[in-house]
């Protein structure tokens, strides 16, 4: 029976919701194939995060609390993740398919001499092993794969798996020893970020995203940002605007950016290139505004408006505010 270790992701005292999707994935595997799952929390002063994760049915919430883990330096986090996997005899190590896990888990897999796959959307027992489904080629191909080896490492696409619900009770808390021999191949220098006034696109119920039709950063903030603020939504961007220097890379949604699955995705001036669609294909409702009636975005949009975004969006904001 599998023994699963989940790498929890948190930032500045807040648990990332993608972690709960990883918990749900592990729970489903345990229901189908038996076994249990543990959750690993790394960092410093992480007691509140540990407590948040106790009601989700884990066999144990493991805490690795140390000053040297205060910042997510991949070499140190991978070292402790591998140590925790050995401590519980893990056969599966799981994380969300985020930049956090993608930086840490491949290194942990190497330390564990384990195979790894990414962007998994489904898993099921197959005899004494497991079969996993993962997305390829911007979501156009779903591959069914099997990993060899005693230990398997994978990242799951959180947008394809619902967040776990609390099951009541409280899991016991265990500790992972953090010895003085942590790797020091990397060093934390500084962290620069703008003050976040809007939700994270990967966790928001509504995302408003802008594309090539937006001419400059001021227009992006006025149109896309203005509509997002009116709706209480997160902001996203196509790669075209990132490449043009109009928006920050952190806003990019698509094959090489963030993957989102909100209840509502508003595409403003986005043509609907396949690379962008890969980042929002699990959205429940898509609304698009584009002056090109032949734009591919209209093929997937639930609601479409053929109009100039510079005329339509201010009108929409005005009506919503009224």
Protein backbone atom coordinates (compact mmCIF):
# COMPACT_ATOMS: atom_id res chain seq x y z
CA UNK A 1 0.00 0.00 0.00
CA UNK A 2 1.30 3.48 -0.85
CA UNK A 3 2.69 5.80 1.77
CA UNK A 4 2.42 9.33 0.41
CA UNK A 5 4.27 12.52 1.34
CA UNK A 6 2.76 15.86 0.27
CA UNK A 7 4.96 18.95 0.10
CA UNK A 8 2.90 21.88 1.43
CA UNK A 9 3.33 25.29 -0.14
CA UNK A 10 2.91 28.52 1.80
CA UNK A 11 4.06 32.09 1.49
CA UNK A 12 4.25 34.85 4.07
CA UNK A 13 2.08 32.97 6.53
CA UNK A 14 -0.60 31.96 4.03
CA UNK A 15 -1.26 28.43 2.82
CA UNK A 16 -1.45 28.11 -0.97
CA UNK A 17 -4.75 26.53 -2.00
CA UNK A 18 -2.93 24.35 -4.54
CA UNK A 19 -1.67 22.35 -1.56
CA UNK A 20 -5.24 21.29 -0.80
CA UNK A 21 -5.59 19.99 -4.35
CA UNK A 22 -2.50 17.85 -3.73
CA UNK A 23 -4.11 16.63 -0.50
CA UNK A 24 -7.29 15.69 -2.38
CA UNK A 25 -5.27 13.84 -5.03
CA UNK A 26 -3.44 11.86 -2.34
CA UNK A 27 -6.69 11.16 -0.51
CA UNK A 28 -8.28 9.77 -3.68
CA UNK A 29 -5.29 7.48 -4.24
CA UNK A 30 -5.54 6.23 -0.66
CA UNK A 31 -9.26 5.53 -1.02
CA UNK A 32 -8.66 3.61 -4.25
CA UNK A 33 -5.48 1.79 -3.32
CA UNK A 34 -5.16 1.93 0.47
CA UNK A 35 -2.32 3.44 2.41
CA UNK A 36 -2.04 6.83 4.09
CA UNK A 37 -0.68 10.29 3.40
CA UNK A 38 1.49 12.70 5.35
CA UNK A 39 1.91 16.47 4.82
CA UNK A 40 5.31 18.14 5.12
CA UNK A 41 5.62 21.82 6.06
CA UNK A 42 9.01 23.48 5.66
CA UNK A 43 10.03 26.92 6.91
CA UNK A 44 10.48 28.96 10.06
CA UNK A 45 7.76 29.85 12.58
CA UNK A 46 5.36 27.59 10.67
CA UNK A 47 3.12 26.58 13.58
CA UNK A 48 0.00 28.33 12.16
CA UNK A 49 0.42 26.58 8.78
CA UNK A 50 0.79 23.23 10.50
CA UNK A 51 -2.41 23.84 12.45
CA UNK A 52 -4.28 24.78 9.26
CA UNK A 53 -3.42 21.41 7.73
CA UNK A 54 -4.36 19.19 10.66
CA UNK A 55 -8.12 18.85 9.89
CA UNK A 56 -7.62 17.24 6.44
CA UNK A 57 -7.16 13.63 7.44
CA UNK A 58 -3.40 13.19 7.14
CA UNK A 59 -1.81 10.37 9.10
CA UNK A 60 0.63 13.03 10.31
CA UNK A 61 1.55 16.64 9.61
CA UNK A 62 5.33 16.82 9.63
CA UNK A 63 7.02 20.05 10.65
CA UNK A 64 10.56 21.03 9.69
CA UNK A 65 10.96 24.36 11.48
CA UNK A 66 14.38 25.99 11.29
CA UNK A 67 15.83 29.44 10.61
CA UNK A 68 17.83 28.04 7.68
CA UNK A 69 14.55 27.06 6.01
CA UNK A 70 12.95 30.50 6.31
CA UNK A 71 13.37 31.11 2.58
CA UNK A 72 12.57 28.44 -0.05
CA UNK A 73 16.12 27.74 -1.20
CA UNK A 74 15.74 24.68 -3.38
CA UNK A 75 18.85 22.80 -2.29
CA UNK A 76 17.97 22.97 1.42
CA UNK A 77 14.27 22.25 0.94
CA UNK A 78 15.02 19.31 -1.32
CA UNK A 79 17.43 17.88 1.25
CA UNK A 80 14.79 17.95 4.01
CA UNK A 81 12.04 16.73 1.68
CA UNK A 82 14.13 13.67 0.78
CA UNK A 83 14.93 13.11 4.46
CA UNK A 84 11.22 13.26 5.36
CA UNK A 85 10.38 10.81 2.58
CA UNK A 86 12.93 8.35 3.96
CA UNK A 87 11.71 8.92 7.52
CA UNK A 88 8.16 7.78 6.73
CA UNK A 89 9.11 5.27 4.03
CA UNK A 90 7.26 7.23 1.35
CA UNK A 91 6.54 5.52 -1.95
CA UNK A 92 4.90 8.64 -3.44
CA UNK A 93 6.02 12.25 -3.06
CA UNK A 94 3.52 14.82 -4.34
CA UNK A 95 3.41 18.58 -4.80
CA UNK A 96 1.38 21.07 -6.79
CA UNK A 97 2.69 21.94 -10.26
CA UNK A 98 3.86 25.39 -9.14
CA UNK A 99 7.21 27.13 -9.43
CA UNK A 100 7.79 26.27 -5.76
CA UNK A 101 7.43 22.50 -6.18
CA UNK A 102 9.02 22.45 -9.65
CA UNK A 103 12.15 23.94 -8.10
CA UNK A 104 12.31 21.54 -5.15
CA UNK A 105 10.86 18.17 -6.13
CA UNK A 106 13.16 17.34 -9.09
CA UNK A 107 16.13 17.79 -6.76
CA UNK A 108 14.45 15.65 -4.10
CA UNK A 109 13.74 13.00 -6.75
CA UNK A 110 17.43 12.90 -7.63
CA UNK A 111 18.37 12.50 -3.96
CA UNK A 112 15.85 9.66 -3.65
CA UNK A 113 16.93 8.07 -6.96
CA UNK A 114 13.28 8.28 -7.99
CA UNK A 115 11.48 8.81 -11.27
CA UNK A 116 9.38 11.93 -11.69
CA UNK A 117 6.49 13.18 -13.82
CA UNK A 118 4.82 16.59 -13.88
CA UNK A 119 1.39 18.08 -14.59
CA UNK A 120 -0.54 14.98 -13.50
CA UNK A 121 -4.32 15.31 -13.70
CA UNK A 122 -5.41 11.83 -12.66
CA UNK A 123 -4.05 8.71 -10.95
CA UNK A 124 -5.40 5.25 -10.24
CA UNK A 125 -4.13 1.92 -8.92
CA UNK A 126 -3.09 -0.64 -11.53
CA UNK A 127 -2.29 -3.97 -9.92
CA UNK A 128 0.49 -3.36 -7.43
CA UNK A 129 1.39 -0.05 -9.07
CA UNK A 130 -0.23 3.14 -10.36
CA UNK A 131 -1.14 4.66 -13.70
CA UNK A 132 -1.03 8.44 -14.04
CA UNK A 133 -2.46 10.77 -16.66
CA UNK A 134 -0.54 13.92 -17.51
CA UNK A 135 -1.02 16.71 -20.01
CA UNK A 136 1.33 17.25 -22.95
CA UNK A 137 1.57 19.66 -25.90
CA UNK A 138 -0.36 22.56 -24.36
CA UNK A 139 -3.06 20.24 -23.10
CA UNK A 140 -3.84 18.71 -26.51
CA UNK A 141 -2.56 15.27 -25.51
CA UNK A 142 -3.26 13.30 -22.35
CA UNK A 143 -0.57 10.68 -21.81
CA UNK A 144 -1.08 7.63 -19.57
CA UNK A 145 2.23 6.79 -17.95
CA UNK A 146 3.68 4.45 -15.35
CA UNK A 147 6.75 5.20 -13.28
CA UNK A 148 9.27 2.54 -12.41
CA UNK A 149 11.06 2.39 -9.10
CA UNK A 150 10.20 2.05 -5.44
CA UNK A 151 9.70 5.80 -4.98
CA UNK A 152 7.75 8.02 -7.37
CA UNK A 153 7.71 11.83 -7.40
CA UNK A 154 5.04 13.87 -9.17
CA UNK A 155 3.49 17.29 -9.41
CA UNK A 156 -0.25 17.59 -9.93
CA UNK A 157 -2.10 20.25 -11.90
CA UNK A 158 -4.18 21.92 -9.20
CA UNK A 159 -6.67 23.36 -11.71
CA UNK A 160 -7.80 19.82 -12.59
CA UNK A 161 -8.36 18.64 -9.00
CA UNK A 162 -10.71 20.21 -6.44
CA UNK A 163 -9.40 21.41 -3.11
CA UNK A 164 -9.77 18.94 -0.26
CA UNK A 165 -12.48 19.46 2.33
CA UNK A 166 -11.84 19.18 6.05
CA UNK A 167 -12.76 15.80 7.52
CA UNK A 168 -12.87 16.77 11.18
CA UNK A 169 -10.52 15.78 13.96
CA UNK A 170 -6.89 16.82 13.98
CA UNK A 171 -3.92 14.91 12.60
CA UNK A 172 -0.99 14.36 14.95
CA UNK A 173 2.06 16.56 14.45
CA UNK A 174 5.49 15.07 13.90
CA UNK A 175 8.89 16.64 13.35
CA UNK A 176 11.64 16.22 10.81
CA UNK A 177 15.13 16.76 12.15
CA UNK A 178 17.01 19.63 10.56
CA UNK A 179 20.67 18.92 11.18
CA UNK A 180 23.56 21.29 10.79
CA UNK A 181 24.68 19.77 7.49
CA UNK A 182 22.17 21.50 5.24
CA UNK A 183 23.47 22.27 1.74
CA UNK A 184 24.59 25.85 1.22
CA UNK A 185 24.94 25.93 -2.56
CA UNK A 186 22.56 28.87 -2.81
CA UNK A 187 22.12 31.94 -0.67
CA UNK A 188 19.13 34.18 -0.09
CA UNK A 189 19.96 37.79 -0.95
CA UNK A 190 16.69 39.71 -1.18
CA UNK A 191 13.08 39.48 -2.24
CA UNK A 192 11.45 42.21 -4.29
CA UNK A 193 7.73 42.31 -4.91
CA UNK A 194 4.97 44.81 -5.39
CA UNK A 195 2.36 45.11 -2.71
CA UNK A 196 -0.42 42.70 -3.68
CA UNK A 197 -3.75 44.49 -3.88
CA UNK A 198 -5.48 41.87 -6.03
CA UNK A 199 -6.04 38.12 -5.63
CA UNK A 200 -3.61 35.55 -7.02
CA UNK A 201 -4.88 34.39 -10.41
CA UNK A 202 -4.31 30.74 -9.49
CA UNK A 203 -6.70 31.03 -6.53
CA UNK A 204 -9.24 33.63 -7.67
CA UNK A 205 -12.87 32.89 -8.62
CA UNK A 206 -12.73 35.52 -11.38
CA UNK A 207 -9.78 36.38 -13.62
CA UNK A 208 -9.68 39.30 -16.06
CA UNK A 209 -6.93 38.89 -18.63
CA UNK A 210 -5.64 41.21 -21.36
CA UNK A 211 -4.06 40.47 -24.71
CA UNK A 212 -2.42 41.99 -27.76
CA UNK A 213 -5.20 44.55 -28.29
CA UNK A 214 -3.95 46.48 -25.24
CA UNK A 215 -1.42 49.07 -26.46
CA UNK A 216 0.49 50.09 -23.30
CA UNK A 217 0.81 49.58 -19.55
CA UNK A 218 -1.43 52.54 -18.72
CA UNK A 219 -4.23 51.18 -20.88
CA UNK A 220 -3.78 47.72 -19.35
CA UNK A 221 -4.19 49.09 -15.85
CA UNK A 222 -7.16 51.26 -16.86
CA UNK A 223 -9.05 48.59 -18.81
CA UNK A 224 -8.00 45.18 -17.49
CA UNK A 225 -7.11 46.37 -14.00
CA UNK A 226 -10.19 48.59 -13.82
CA UNK A 227 -12.56 45.77 -14.75
CA UNK A 228 -10.79 43.39 -12.39
CA UNK A 229 -11.12 45.81 -9.47
CA UNK A 230 -14.79 46.34 -10.26
CA UNK A 231 -15.39 42.57 -10.16
CA UNK A 232 -13.03 41.88 -7.24
CA UNK A 233 -11.01 39.74 -9.64
CA UNK A 234 -7.42 38.75 -10.29
CA UNK A 235 -5.48 40.08 -13.29
CA UNK A 236 -3.83 38.03 -16.02
CA UNK A 237 -1.98 38.64 -19.25
CA UNK A 238 -1.12 36.94 -22.51
CA UNK A 239 2.52 36.33 -23.40
CA UNK A 240 2.34 38.97 -26.14
CA UNK A 241 2.02 41.70 -23.53
CA UNK A 242 4.80 40.23 -21.40
CA UNK A 243 7.14 40.09 -24.41
CA UNK A 244 6.24 43.68 -25.25
CA UNK A 245 7.15 44.81 -21.74
CA UNK A 246 3.62 45.96 -21.01
CA UNK A 247 2.94 43.49 -18.20
CA UNK A 248 5.11 41.60 -15.73
CA UNK A 249 5.99 37.96 -16.31
CA UNK A 250 4.23 37.08 -13.05
CA UNK A 251 0.88 37.88 -14.71
CA UNK A 252 1.32 35.59 -17.70
CA UNK A 253 -1.29 32.88 -18.16
CA UNK A 254 -0.67 30.05 -20.58
CA UNK A 255 1.59 27.15 -21.43
CA UNK A 256 4.70 28.95 -20.15
CA UNK A 257 2.88 30.90 -17.44
CA UNK A 258 0.27 30.25 -14.80
CA UNK A 259 -2.50 27.68 -15.16
CA UNK A 260 -5.85 28.90 -13.80
CA UNK A 261 -9.33 27.44 -13.45
CA UNK A 262 -11.63 30.20 -12.19
CA UNK A 263 -15.41 30.27 -12.24
CA UNK A 264 -15.24 33.15 -14.73
CA UNK A 265 -12.44 34.11 -17.14
CA UNK A 266 -12.83 37.42 -18.97
CA UNK A 267 -10.56 37.60 -22.03
CA UNK A 268 -10.04 41.18 -23.21
CA UNK A 269 -8.42 41.51 -26.61
CA UNK A 270 -7.03 37.97 -26.46
CA UNK A 271 -6.98 36.12 -29.78
CA UNK A 272 -7.04 32.65 -28.24
CA UNK A 273 -3.71 31.16 -29.29
CA UNK A 274 -3.34 27.53 -28.28
CA UNK A 275 -0.50 28.37 -25.89
CA UNK A 276 -2.70 30.78 -23.97
CA UNK A 277 -5.68 28.42 -23.99
CA UNK A 278 -3.55 25.79 -22.26
CA UNK A 279 -3.47 28.00 -19.19
CA UNK A 280 -7.22 28.53 -18.79
CA UNK A 281 -8.93 25.56 -20.44
CA UNK A 282 -10.45 24.31 -17.17
CA UNK A 283 -12.35 27.58 -16.62
CA UNK A 284 -16.06 27.10 -15.96
CA UNK A 285 -17.31 30.16 -17.90
CA UNK A 286 -15.34 32.14 -20.51
CA UNK A 287 -16.41 35.63 -21.64
CA UNK A 288 -14.45 37.24 -24.49
CA UNK A 289 -14.27 40.71 -26.00
CA UNK A 290 -12.44 41.03 -29.33
CA UNK A 291 -13.06 43.12 -32.45
CA UNK A 292 -12.00 40.21 -34.69
CA UNK A 293 -15.09 38.03 -35.12
CA UNK A 294 -12.87 35.19 -36.40
CA UNK A 295 -10.64 35.11 -33.30
CA UNK A 296 -10.17 31.53 -31.99
CA UNK A 297 -11.15 32.66 -28.48
CA UNK A 298 -14.79 32.74 -29.60
CA UNK A 299 -14.68 28.99 -30.30
CA UNK A 300 -14.37 28.30 -26.55
CA UNK A 301 -16.15 31.36 -25.16
CA UNK A 302 -19.51 30.88 -23.48
CA UNK A 303 -20.23 34.57 -24.04
CA UNK A 304 -18.63 36.66 -26.79
CA UNK A 305 -18.77 40.31 -27.74
CA UNK A 306 -17.35 41.51 -31.06
CA UNK A 307 -16.25 45.02 -30.22
CA UNK A 308 -13.25 47.30 -29.72
CA UNK A 309 -12.05 46.76 -26.15
CA UNK A 310 -11.26 50.49 -25.85
CA UNK A 311 -14.96 51.22 -26.29
CA UNK A 312 -16.61 48.16 -24.74
CA UNK A 313 -14.63 47.78 -21.51
CA UNK A 314 -15.18 51.34 -20.17
CA UNK A 315 -18.89 50.92 -20.88
CA UNK A 316 -18.92 47.58 -19.06
CA UNK A 317 -17.10 49.05 -16.05
CA UNK A 318 -19.55 51.96 -15.94
CA UNK A 319 -22.59 49.67 -16.06
CA UNK A 320 -21.18 47.34 -13.39
CA UNK A 321 -20.49 50.25 -11.05
CA UNK A 322 -24.00 51.58 -11.62
